[in-house]
Amino acid sequence: MGARVIVGSANNKISSQLAQFLNDNGYNVVGETGDGYEYLRRVHTVYPDLVIIDNNLKGIGGQELAEVLLAESICPVIVMVRECDRQFFVNLEQDPMLALLVKPLNRMIMLNTIDLLVKMSKSINKLEKEVKQLKTKQDVKQLTDKAKKLLMANERLTEEEAHRKIQKESMNRGMSKAKVAEAIILTYEK
């Protein structure tokens, strides 16, 4: 099944046609609305892969809605705008997760834009996850290094012996090395 999309336009005809077009092209439209506040509620309920909004939504307009969604990093945003409304998006256009499509829409450009944004979003999410894992590993290494230094200074162990002691405590207590290191640090830094 294709990407999950929420469509929003104050014009019900445009919203229905866009939803049908997306469904026909393999996307899963999980919501349609013409009200910006309702749109935001649905996004926070469904967490779609992509949102497509018309700039003329009721309540919260397309620009404000795009700002909120991009700030929360929920998913990529496509905003359908008139050429004269592009100026309102100057600050947002630098965001790689935003695409402005000028009306009247070209169907092939829309499909290519959707594909590109969904792929880019997946790549960015994967990279962010990898960065988080690397940061966690780095934090654990820093903790264990600090604990090893404290063990070496206070118990006159070699670095290898201190490392083995942390490993052994970790296995004996069924705790992560980071937790053992934190306990050692707390013990010697009173």
N, C-alpha and C. Protein backbone atom coordinates (compact mmCIF):
# COMPACT_ATOMS: atom_id res chain seq x y z
N MET A 1 0.85 -1.19 0.00
CA MET A 1 0.00 0.00 0.00
C MET A 1 0.88 1.23 0.00
N GLY A 2 0.41 2.29 -0.66
CA GLY A 2 1.18 3.51 -0.79
C GLY A 2 1.17 4.35 0.47
N ALA A 3 1.81 5.48 0.35
CA ALA A 3 1.93 6.40 1.48
C ALA A 3 0.55 6.86 1.94
N ARG A 4 0.45 7.10 3.25
CA ARG A 4 -0.80 7.59 3.84
C ARG A 4 -0.81 9.11 3.77
N VAL A 5 -1.88 9.67 3.19
CA VAL A 5 -1.95 11.10 2.92
C VAL A 5 -3.24 11.68 3.50
N ILE A 6 -3.13 12.90 4.04
CA ILE A 6 -4.32 13.65 4.43
C ILE A 6 -4.42 14.85 3.49
N VAL A 7 -5.61 15.06 2.95
CA VAL A 7 -5.85 16.13 1.97
C VAL A 7 -6.73 17.19 2.62
N GLY A 8 -6.42 18.45 2.36
CA GLY A 8 -7.22 19.53 2.91
C GLY A 8 -7.43 20.66 1.93
N SER A 9 -8.70 21.01 1.72
CA SER A 9 -9.05 22.16 0.89
C SER A 9 -10.42 22.66 1.31
N ALA A 10 -10.58 23.98 1.31
CA ALA A 10 -11.88 24.56 1.65
C ALA A 10 -12.90 24.24 0.56
N ASN A 11 -12.43 23.93 -0.63
CA ASN A 11 -13.29 23.58 -1.75
C ASN A 11 -13.47 22.06 -1.75
N ASN A 12 -14.68 21.59 -1.42
CA ASN A 12 -14.94 20.15 -1.33
C ASN A 12 -14.70 19.43 -2.65
N LYS A 13 -14.98 20.09 -3.75
CA LYS A 13 -14.78 19.48 -5.08
C LYS A 13 -13.29 19.20 -5.31
N ILE A 14 -12.46 20.19 -5.01
CA ILE A 14 -11.00 20.01 -5.18
C ILE A 14 -10.51 18.90 -4.27
N SER A 15 -10.96 18.90 -3.02
CA SER A 15 -10.55 17.89 -2.06
C SER A 15 -10.94 16.49 -2.52
N SER A 16 -12.16 16.32 -3.00
CA SER A 16 -12.63 15.01 -3.47
C SER A 16 -11.87 14.56 -4.71
N GLN A 17 -11.66 15.47 -5.66
CA GLN A 17 -10.93 15.12 -6.87
C GLN A 17 -9.49 14.73 -6.56
N LEU A 18 -8.86 15.47 -5.68
CA LEU A 18 -7.48 15.17 -5.30
C LEU A 18 -7.39 13.83 -4.59
N ALA A 19 -8.33 13.58 -3.69
CA ALA A 19 -8.35 12.30 -2.97
C ALA A 19 -8.54 11.13 -3.94
N GLN A 20 -9.44 11.29 -4.90
CA GLN A 20 -9.68 10.24 -5.89
C GLN A 20 -8.43 10.01 -6.75
N PHE A 21 -7.80 11.11 -7.18
CA PHE A 21 -6.59 11.03 -7.99
C PHE A 21 -5.48 10.30 -7.23
N LEU A 22 -5.32 10.62 -5.96
CA LEU A 22 -4.28 9.97 -5.16
C LEU A 22 -4.59 8.49 -4.94
N ASN A 23 -5.86 8.17 -4.65
CA ASN A 23 -6.25 6.77 -4.49
C ASN A 23 -6.01 5.99 -5.78
N ASP A 24 -6.34 6.60 -6.91
CA ASP A 24 -6.15 5.94 -8.21
C ASP A 24 -4.68 5.69 -8.51
N ASN A 25 -3.80 6.47 -7.91
CA ASN A 25 -2.37 6.33 -8.15
C ASN A 25 -1.63 5.60 -7.03
N GLY A 26 -2.37 4.87 -6.21
CA GLY A 26 -1.75 3.98 -5.24
C GLY A 26 -1.49 4.56 -3.87
N TYR A 27 -1.97 5.76 -3.62
CA TYR A 27 -1.80 6.36 -2.29
C TYR A 27 -3.03 6.08 -1.46
N ASN A 28 -2.86 6.11 -0.15
CA ASN A 28 -3.95 5.83 0.77
C ASN A 28 -4.37 7.13 1.43
N VAL A 29 -5.49 7.71 1.00
CA VAL A 29 -5.98 8.95 1.59
C VAL A 29 -6.69 8.59 2.89
N VAL A 30 -6.12 9.04 4.01
CA VAL A 30 -6.64 8.68 5.33
C VAL A 30 -7.44 9.81 5.97
N GLY A 31 -7.67 10.88 5.22
CA GLY A 31 -8.46 11.97 5.76
C GLY A 31 -8.61 13.11 4.77
N GLU A 32 -9.77 13.76 4.84
CA GLU A 32 -10.06 14.94 4.02
C GLU A 32 -10.80 15.93 4.91
N THR A 33 -10.45 17.20 4.79
CA THR A 33 -11.18 18.22 5.53
C THR A 33 -10.93 19.58 4.90
N GLY A 34 -11.81 20.50 5.19
CA GLY A 34 -11.67 21.86 4.70
C GLY A 34 -11.35 22.86 5.79
N ASP A 35 -11.25 22.37 7.03
CA ASP A 35 -11.01 23.24 8.18
C ASP A 35 -9.61 23.00 8.73
N GLY A 36 -8.84 24.06 8.90
CA GLY A 36 -7.47 23.94 9.38
C GLY A 36 -7.34 23.32 10.76
N TYR A 37 -8.24 23.67 11.67
CA TYR A 37 -8.18 23.11 13.02
C TYR A 37 -8.47 21.60 13.00
N GLU A 38 -9.48 21.22 12.23
CA GLU A 38 -9.81 19.80 12.09
C GLU A 38 -8.66 19.05 11.42
N TYR A 39 -8.03 19.70 10.46
CA TYR A 39 -6.90 19.11 9.75
C TYR A 39 -5.77 18.80 10.74
N LEU A 40 -5.47 19.76 11.58
CA LEU A 40 -4.41 19.59 12.57
C LEU A 40 -4.74 18.45 13.54
N ARG A 41 -6.01 18.37 13.96
CA ARG A 41 -6.44 17.26 14.85
C ARG A 41 -6.23 15.91 14.16
N ARG A 42 -6.59 15.83 12.89
CA ARG A 42 -6.44 14.56 12.18
C ARG A 42 -4.97 14.18 12.02
N VAL A 43 -4.14 15.15 11.73
CA VAL A 43 -2.71 14.87 11.58
C VAL A 43 -2.15 14.31 12.88
N HIS A 44 -2.56 14.91 14.02
CA HIS A 44 -2.06 14.44 15.31
C HIS A 44 -2.69 13.11 15.74
N THR A 45 -3.74 12.70 15.08
CA THR A 45 -4.37 11.42 15.37
C THR A 45 -3.79 10.31 14.49
N VAL A 46 -3.63 10.61 13.20
CA VAL A 46 -3.26 9.60 12.21
C VAL A 46 -1.75 9.51 11.98
N TYR A 47 -1.02 10.61 12.12
CA TYR A 47 0.39 10.70 11.78
C TYR A 47 0.65 10.15 10.37
N PRO A 48 0.21 10.90 9.36
CA PRO A 48 0.35 10.43 7.97
C PRO A 48 1.79 10.51 7.48
N ASP A 49 2.03 9.93 6.31
CA ASP A 49 3.34 9.98 5.68
C ASP A 49 3.55 11.30 4.94
N LEU A 50 2.44 11.98 4.61
CA LEU A 50 2.49 13.22 3.83
C LEU A 50 1.17 13.96 4.00
N VAL A 51 1.23 15.29 3.97
CA VAL A 51 0.00 16.07 3.96
C VAL A 51 0.00 16.98 2.75
N ILE A 52 -1.19 17.14 2.18
CA ILE A 52 -1.38 18.06 1.06
C ILE A 52 -2.47 19.03 1.47
N ILE A 53 -2.12 20.30 1.51
CA ILE A 53 -3.09 21.30 1.95
C ILE A 53 -3.21 22.41 0.92
N ASP A 54 -4.43 22.89 0.80
CA ASP A 54 -4.70 24.06 -0.02
C ASP A 54 -4.46 25.28 0.86
N ASN A 55 -3.90 26.30 0.31
CA ASN A 55 -3.58 27.48 1.11
C ASN A 55 -4.83 28.17 1.67
N ASN A 56 -5.99 27.89 1.09
CA ASN A 56 -7.22 28.61 1.48
C ASN A 56 -8.09 27.83 2.47
N LEU A 57 -7.49 27.10 3.39
CA LEU A 57 -8.29 26.38 4.39
C LEU A 57 -9.00 27.36 5.32
N LYS A 58 -10.13 26.91 5.85
CA LYS A 58 -10.86 27.70 6.84
C LYS A 58 -10.15 27.58 8.18
N GLY A 59 -10.34 28.53 9.07
CA GLY A 59 -9.72 28.47 10.39
C GLY A 59 -8.25 28.82 10.29
N ILE A 60 -7.40 27.82 10.39
CA ILE A 60 -5.96 28.02 10.22
C ILE A 60 -5.67 27.92 8.73
N GLY A 61 -5.01 28.91 8.18
CA GLY A 61 -4.67 28.91 6.76
C GLY A 61 -3.50 27.98 6.46
N GLY A 62 -3.26 27.76 5.19
CA GLY A 62 -2.21 26.85 4.75
C GLY A 62 -0.83 27.22 5.25
N GLN A 63 -0.51 28.52 5.26
CA GLN A 63 0.81 28.95 5.70
C GLN A 63 1.02 28.62 7.18
N GLU A 64 0.08 28.99 8.03
CA GLU A 64 0.20 28.72 9.45
C GLU A 64 0.24 27.22 9.74
N LEU A 65 -0.59 26.49 9.03
CA LEU A 65 -0.63 25.04 9.21
C LEU A 65 0.70 24.41 8.81
N ALA A 66 1.25 24.87 7.70
CA ALA A 66 2.56 24.36 7.25
C ALA A 66 3.63 24.67 8.28
N GLU A 67 3.62 25.88 8.85
CA GLU A 67 4.59 26.25 9.88
C GLU A 67 4.53 25.30 11.07
N VAL A 68 3.31 25.01 11.53
CA VAL A 68 3.12 24.13 12.68
C VAL A 68 3.61 22.72 12.36
N LEU A 69 3.22 22.18 11.22
CA LEU A 69 3.57 20.81 10.87
C LEU A 69 5.07 20.65 10.65
N LEU A 70 5.69 21.65 10.04
CA LEU A 70 7.14 21.58 9.82
C LEU A 70 7.90 21.72 11.14
N ALA A 71 7.42 22.58 12.03
CA ALA A 71 8.07 22.76 13.32
C ALA A 71 8.00 21.48 14.15
N GLU A 72 6.91 20.74 14.02
CA GLU A 72 6.74 19.49 14.77
C GLU A 72 7.39 18.30 14.07
N SER A 73 7.86 18.49 12.85
CA SER A 73 8.53 17.43 12.07
C SER A 73 7.71 16.15 12.00
N ILE A 74 6.42 16.29 11.76
CA ILE A 74 5.56 15.12 11.68
C ILE A 74 5.72 14.41 10.34
N CYS A 75 5.65 15.17 9.26
CA CYS A 75 5.74 14.59 7.93
C CYS A 75 5.97 15.70 6.91
N PRO A 76 6.28 15.33 5.67
CA PRO A 76 6.43 16.33 4.62
C PRO A 76 5.10 17.02 4.32
N VAL A 77 5.20 18.26 3.84
CA VAL A 77 4.03 19.08 3.57
C VAL A 77 4.06 19.59 2.13
N ILE A 78 2.95 19.40 1.44
CA ILE A 78 2.77 20.02 0.12
C ILE A 78 1.66 21.04 0.28
N VAL A 79 1.93 22.27 -0.14
CA VAL A 79 0.93 23.33 -0.08
C VAL A 79 0.60 23.75 -1.51
N MET A 80 -0.68 23.73 -1.83
CA MET A 80 -1.15 24.19 -3.13
C MET A 80 -1.44 25.69 -3.01
N VAL A 81 -0.75 26.49 -3.83
CA VAL A 81 -0.87 27.94 -3.73
C VAL A 81 -1.11 28.56 -5.10
N ARG A 82 -1.62 29.78 -5.06
CA ARG A 82 -1.66 30.58 -6.29
C ARG A 82 -0.30 31.26 -6.41
N GLU A 83 0.10 31.60 -7.60
CA GLU A 83 1.41 32.22 -7.82
C GLU A 83 1.60 33.45 -6.94
N CYS A 84 0.56 34.24 -6.78
CA CYS A 84 0.67 35.47 -5.99
C CYS A 84 0.83 35.20 -4.49
N ASP A 85 0.55 33.97 -4.03
CA ASP A 85 0.67 33.64 -2.61
C ASP A 85 2.04 33.06 -2.22
N ARG A 86 2.88 32.80 -3.21
CA ARG A 86 4.20 32.21 -2.92
C ARG A 86 5.03 33.08 -1.99
N GLN A 87 4.85 34.40 -2.10
CA GLN A 87 5.64 35.33 -1.28
C GLN A 87 5.46 35.11 0.21
N PHE A 88 4.32 34.56 0.62
CA PHE A 88 4.06 34.32 2.04
C PHE A 88 4.83 33.12 2.59
N PHE A 89 5.44 32.35 1.70
CA PHE A 89 6.15 31.13 2.10
C PHE A 89 7.67 31.26 1.98
N VAL A 90 8.17 32.48 1.82
CA VAL A 90 9.60 32.69 1.61
C VAL A 90 10.42 32.06 2.74
N ASN A 91 10.02 32.26 3.97
CA ASN A 91 10.78 31.71 5.11
C ASN A 91 10.69 30.19 5.19
N LEU A 92 9.61 29.63 4.71
CA LEU A 92 9.42 28.18 4.80
C LEU A 92 10.03 27.42 3.62
N GLU A 93 10.25 28.10 2.52
CA GLU A 93 10.71 27.42 1.31
C GLU A 93 12.08 26.76 1.47
N GLN A 94 12.84 27.17 2.48
CA GLN A 94 14.15 26.57 2.70
C GLN A 94 14.06 25.20 3.34
N ASP A 95 12.91 24.87 3.91
CA ASP A 95 12.73 23.58 4.58
C ASP A 95 12.63 22.47 3.54
N PRO A 96 13.47 21.43 3.63
CA PRO A 96 13.44 20.36 2.64
C PRO A 96 12.18 19.52 2.68
N MET A 97 11.39 19.66 3.74
CA MET A 97 10.18 18.86 3.87
C MET A 97 8.94 19.61 3.38
N LEU A 98 9.13 20.75 2.70
CA LEU A 98 8.02 21.53 2.17
C LEU A 98 8.15 21.66 0.67
N ALA A 99 7.03 21.49 0.00
CA ALA A 99 6.98 21.74 -1.44
C ALA A 99 5.75 22.60 -1.72
N LEU A 100 5.95 23.64 -2.49
CA LEU A 100 4.84 24.48 -2.93
C LEU A 100 4.51 24.07 -4.36
N LEU A 101 3.23 23.82 -4.62
CA LEU A 101 2.78 23.53 -5.97
C LEU A 101 1.82 24.62 -6.38
N VAL A 102 2.14 25.27 -7.50
CA VAL A 102 1.34 26.39 -7.97
C VAL A 102 0.16 25.88 -8.77
N LYS A 103 -1.03 26.45 -8.47
CA LYS A 103 -2.25 26.10 -9.19
C LYS A 103 -2.25 26.82 -10.53
N PRO A 104 -2.79 26.24 -11.56
CA PRO A 104 -3.37 24.89 -11.66
C PRO A 104 -2.27 23.83 -11.59
N LEU A 105 -2.62 22.72 -10.96
CA LEU A 105 -1.64 21.67 -10.70
C LEU A 105 -1.39 20.80 -11.92
N ASN A 106 -0.13 20.39 -12.05
CA ASN A 106 0.25 19.42 -13.06
C ASN A 106 0.30 18.07 -12.35
N ARG A 107 -0.45 17.11 -12.83
CA ARG A 107 -0.57 15.82 -12.14
C ARG A 107 0.76 15.08 -12.02
N MET A 108 1.55 15.10 -13.08
CA MET A 108 2.83 14.38 -13.05
C MET A 108 3.80 15.05 -12.06
N ILE A 109 3.80 16.37 -12.04
CA ILE A 109 4.66 17.07 -11.09
C ILE A 109 4.23 16.74 -9.66
N MET A 110 2.92 16.68 -9.44
CA MET A 110 2.43 16.35 -8.11
C MET A 110 2.88 14.94 -7.69
N LEU A 111 2.71 13.96 -8.57
CA LEU A 111 3.11 12.59 -8.24
C LEU A 111 4.62 12.49 -7.98
N ASN A 112 5.41 13.16 -8.81
CA ASN A 112 6.86 13.15 -8.62
C ASN A 112 7.25 13.83 -7.30
N THR A 113 6.58 14.92 -6.99
CA THR A 113 6.86 15.64 -5.74
C THR A 113 6.51 14.78 -4.53
N ILE A 114 5.37 14.11 -4.58
CA ILE A 114 4.97 13.22 -3.48
C ILE A 114 6.00 12.12 -3.29
N ASP A 115 6.38 11.47 -4.39
CA ASP A 115 7.36 10.38 -4.30
C ASP A 115 8.68 10.88 -3.71
N LEU A 116 9.13 12.03 -4.19
CA LEU A 116 10.40 12.58 -3.71
C LEU A 116 10.34 12.93 -2.23
N LEU A 117 9.27 13.59 -1.80
CA LEU A 117 9.15 13.97 -0.39
C LEU A 117 9.04 12.76 0.53
N VAL A 118 8.29 11.75 0.13
CA VAL A 118 8.14 10.56 0.97
C VAL A 118 9.49 9.83 1.09
N LYS A 119 10.22 9.70 -0.03
CA LYS A 119 11.53 9.04 0.02
C LYS A 119 12.51 9.85 0.87
N MET A 120 12.51 11.15 0.68
CA MET A 120 13.41 12.02 1.44
C MET A 120 13.09 11.95 2.94
N SER A 121 11.81 11.93 3.26
CA SER A 121 11.40 11.85 4.66
C SER A 121 11.89 10.55 5.29
N LYS A 122 11.75 9.45 4.58
CA LYS A 122 12.22 8.16 5.10
C LYS A 122 13.73 8.18 5.30
N SER A 123 14.46 8.76 4.35
CA SER A 123 15.92 8.85 4.48
C SER A 123 16.32 9.71 5.67
N ILE A 124 15.66 10.85 5.83
CA ILE A 124 15.97 11.74 6.95
C ILE A 124 15.66 11.05 8.28
N ASN A 125 14.53 10.37 8.37
CA ASN A 125 14.17 9.66 9.61
C ASN A 125 15.20 8.57 9.93
N LYS A 126 15.65 7.86 8.90
CA LYS A 126 16.65 6.81 9.11
C LYS A 126 17.96 7.42 9.61
N LEU A 127 18.39 8.53 9.00
CA LEU A 127 19.61 9.19 9.43
C LEU A 127 19.49 9.74 10.86
N GLU A 128 18.35 10.30 11.19
CA GLU A 128 18.14 10.81 12.55
C GLU A 128 18.21 9.68 13.57
N LYS A 129 17.67 8.53 13.21
CA LYS A 129 17.72 7.37 14.11
C LYS A 129 19.17 6.91 14.30
N GLU A 130 19.93 6.88 13.21
CA GLU A 130 21.33 6.49 13.29
C GLU A 130 22.13 7.47 14.15
N VAL A 131 21.87 8.76 13.98
CA VAL A 131 22.56 9.78 14.77
C VAL A 131 22.24 9.59 16.25
N LYS A 132 20.98 9.32 16.56
CA LYS A 132 20.58 9.11 17.95
C LYS A 132 21.29 7.90 18.54
N GLN A 133 21.39 6.81 17.75
CA GLN A 133 22.08 5.62 18.22
C GLN A 133 23.56 5.90 18.46
N LEU A 134 24.18 6.65 17.54
CA LEU A 134 25.59 6.99 17.71
C LEU A 134 25.81 7.86 18.94
N LYS A 135 24.90 8.80 19.16
CA LYS A 135 25.01 9.67 20.34
C LYS A 135 24.88 8.84 21.61
N THR A 136 23.95 7.89 21.62
CA THR A 136 23.79 7.03 22.79
C THR A 136 25.07 6.22 23.04
N LYS A 137 25.64 5.67 21.96
CA LYS A 137 26.89 4.91 22.10
C LYS A 137 28.01 5.80 22.64
N GLN A 138 28.07 7.03 22.14
CA GLN A 138 29.10 7.96 22.58
C GLN A 138 28.92 8.30 24.06
N ASP A 139 27.67 8.52 24.46
CA ASP A 139 27.39 8.83 25.86
C ASP A 139 27.79 7.67 26.78
N VAL A 140 27.48 6.44 26.35
CA VAL A 140 27.84 5.26 27.13
C VAL A 140 29.36 5.14 27.23
N LYS A 141 30.05 5.39 26.13
CA LYS A 141 31.51 5.31 26.13
C LYS A 141 32.10 6.35 27.07
N GLN A 142 31.56 7.56 27.04
CA GLN A 142 32.07 8.61 27.94
C GLN A 142 31.84 8.23 29.41
N LEU A 143 30.67 7.68 29.70
CA LEU A 143 30.39 7.24 31.08
C LEU A 143 31.35 6.15 31.52
N THR A 144 31.52 5.14 30.67
CA THR A 144 32.40 4.03 31.04
C THR A 144 33.86 4.49 31.16
N ASP A 145 34.28 5.40 30.29
CA ASP A 145 35.64 5.92 30.39
C ASP A 145 35.85 6.66 31.71
N LYS A 146 34.86 7.45 32.09
CA LYS A 146 34.96 8.19 33.36
C LYS A 146 34.99 7.22 34.54
N ALA A 147 34.14 6.19 34.48
CA ALA A 147 34.11 5.19 35.56
C ALA A 147 35.43 4.43 35.62
N LYS A 148 35.99 4.09 34.45
CA LYS A 148 37.28 3.39 34.42
C LYS A 148 38.37 4.25 35.08
N LYS A 149 38.39 5.54 34.76
CA LYS A 149 39.39 6.43 35.34
C LYS A 149 39.26 6.50 36.86
N LEU A 150 38.01 6.54 37.33
CA LEU A 150 37.79 6.57 38.79
C LEU A 150 38.25 5.26 39.43
N LEU A 151 37.96 4.13 38.80
CA LEU A 151 38.40 2.84 39.32
C LEU A 151 39.93 2.75 39.32
N MET A 152 40.53 3.23 38.25
CA MET A 152 41.99 3.20 38.16
C MET A 152 42.63 4.05 39.26
N ALA A 153 42.05 5.20 39.53
CA ALA A 153 42.61 6.11 40.53
C ALA A 153 42.35 5.62 41.96
N ASN A 154 41.14 5.11 42.21
CA ASN A 154 40.76 4.76 43.58
C ASN A 154 41.09 3.32 43.97
N GLU A 155 41.10 2.42 43.00
CA GLU A 155 41.36 1.02 43.32
C GLU A 155 42.67 0.52 42.73
N ARG A 156 43.40 1.45 42.14
CA ARG A 156 44.72 1.15 41.57
C ARG A 156 44.66 -0.02 40.58
N LEU A 157 43.68 0.06 39.66
CA LEU A 157 43.53 -0.97 38.62
C LEU A 157 44.12 -0.45 37.32
N THR A 158 44.49 -1.39 36.45
CA THR A 158 44.89 -0.97 35.10
C THR A 158 43.61 -0.67 34.33
N GLU A 159 43.76 -0.06 33.18
CA GLU A 159 42.58 0.28 32.37
C GLU A 159 41.83 -1.00 31.99
N GLU A 160 42.57 -2.04 31.63
CA GLU A 160 41.94 -3.30 31.24
C GLU A 160 41.19 -3.94 32.43
N GLU A 161 41.78 -3.89 33.60
CA GLU A 161 41.13 -4.44 34.79
C GLU A 161 39.86 -3.64 35.13
N ALA A 162 39.94 -2.33 35.01
CA ALA A 162 38.77 -1.49 35.27
C ALA A 162 37.65 -1.81 34.28
N HIS A 163 38.03 -1.99 33.03
CA HIS A 163 37.04 -2.33 32.00
C HIS A 163 36.39 -3.68 32.31
N ARG A 164 37.21 -4.66 32.68
CA ARG A 164 36.67 -5.99 33.01
C ARG A 164 35.75 -5.93 34.23
N LYS A 165 36.10 -5.11 35.20
CA LYS A 165 35.28 -4.98 36.40
C LYS A 165 33.90 -4.43 36.03
N ILE A 166 33.86 -3.42 35.17
CA ILE A 166 32.58 -2.86 34.72
C ILE A 166 31.78 -3.91 33.97
N GLN A 167 32.44 -4.65 33.08
CA GLN A 167 31.75 -5.71 32.32
C GLN A 167 31.18 -6.77 33.25
N LYS A 168 32.00 -7.20 34.21
CA LYS A 168 31.59 -8.26 35.13
C LYS A 168 30.39 -7.81 35.97
N GLU A 169 30.46 -6.59 36.50
CA GLU A 169 29.33 -6.05 37.29
C GLU A 169 28.07 -5.96 36.43
N SER A 170 28.25 -5.58 35.20
CA SER A 170 27.11 -5.47 34.28
C SER A 170 26.44 -6.83 34.10
N MET A 171 27.25 -7.86 33.88
CA MET A 171 26.70 -9.21 33.68
C MET A 171 26.12 -9.77 34.97
N ASN A 172 26.81 -9.59 36.08
CA ASN A 172 26.35 -10.14 37.36
C ASN A 172 25.04 -9.51 37.82
N ARG A 173 24.90 -8.23 37.60
CA ARG A 173 23.70 -7.52 38.07
C ARG A 173 22.60 -7.44 37.01
N GLY A 174 22.91 -7.85 35.78
CA GLY A 174 21.91 -7.77 34.71
C GLY A 174 21.57 -6.33 34.37
N MET A 175 22.58 -5.48 34.46
CA MET A 175 22.40 -4.05 34.16
C MET A 175 23.27 -3.67 32.97
N SER A 176 22.92 -2.60 32.34
CA SER A 176 23.75 -2.11 31.24
C SER A 176 25.06 -1.57 31.80
N LYS A 177 26.08 -1.52 30.95
CA LYS A 177 27.37 -0.97 31.37
C LYS A 177 27.22 0.50 31.75
N ALA A 178 26.32 1.19 31.10
CA ALA A 178 26.10 2.60 31.40
C ALA A 178 25.59 2.76 32.83
N LYS A 179 24.65 1.91 33.26
CA LYS A 179 24.11 1.99 34.62
C LYS A 179 25.19 1.65 35.65
N VAL A 180 26.00 0.65 35.36
CA VAL A 180 27.09 0.29 36.27
C VAL A 180 28.07 1.45 36.36
N ALA A 181 28.40 2.05 35.22
CA ALA A 181 29.33 3.19 35.20
C ALA A 181 28.77 4.35 36.01
N GLU A 182 27.47 4.61 35.86
CA GLU A 182 26.84 5.69 36.64
C GLU A 182 26.95 5.41 38.14
N ALA A 183 26.75 4.16 38.54
CA ALA A 183 26.84 3.79 39.96
C ALA A 183 28.26 3.99 40.48
N ILE A 184 29.24 3.63 39.66
CA ILE A 184 30.64 3.80 40.06
C ILE A 184 30.96 5.29 40.20
N ILE A 185 30.50 6.07 39.25
CA ILE A 185 30.74 7.51 39.28
C ILE A 185 30.11 8.12 40.54
N LEU A 186 28.88 7.73 40.86
CA LEU A 186 28.21 8.23 42.06
C LEU A 186 28.95 7.83 43.34
N THR A 187 29.49 6.61 43.33
CA THR A 187 30.20 6.12 44.50
C THR A 187 31.46 6.93 44.79
N TYR A 188 32.21 7.21 43.73
CA TYR A 188 33.51 7.88 43.95
C TYR A 188 33.45 9.39 43.86
N GLU A 189 32.37 9.96 43.43
CA GLU A 189 32.28 11.42 43.33
C GLU A 189 31.41 12.03 44.42
N LYS A 190 31.46 11.48 45.60
CA LYS A 190 30.65 12.00 46.71
C LYS A 190 31.18 13.30 47.19
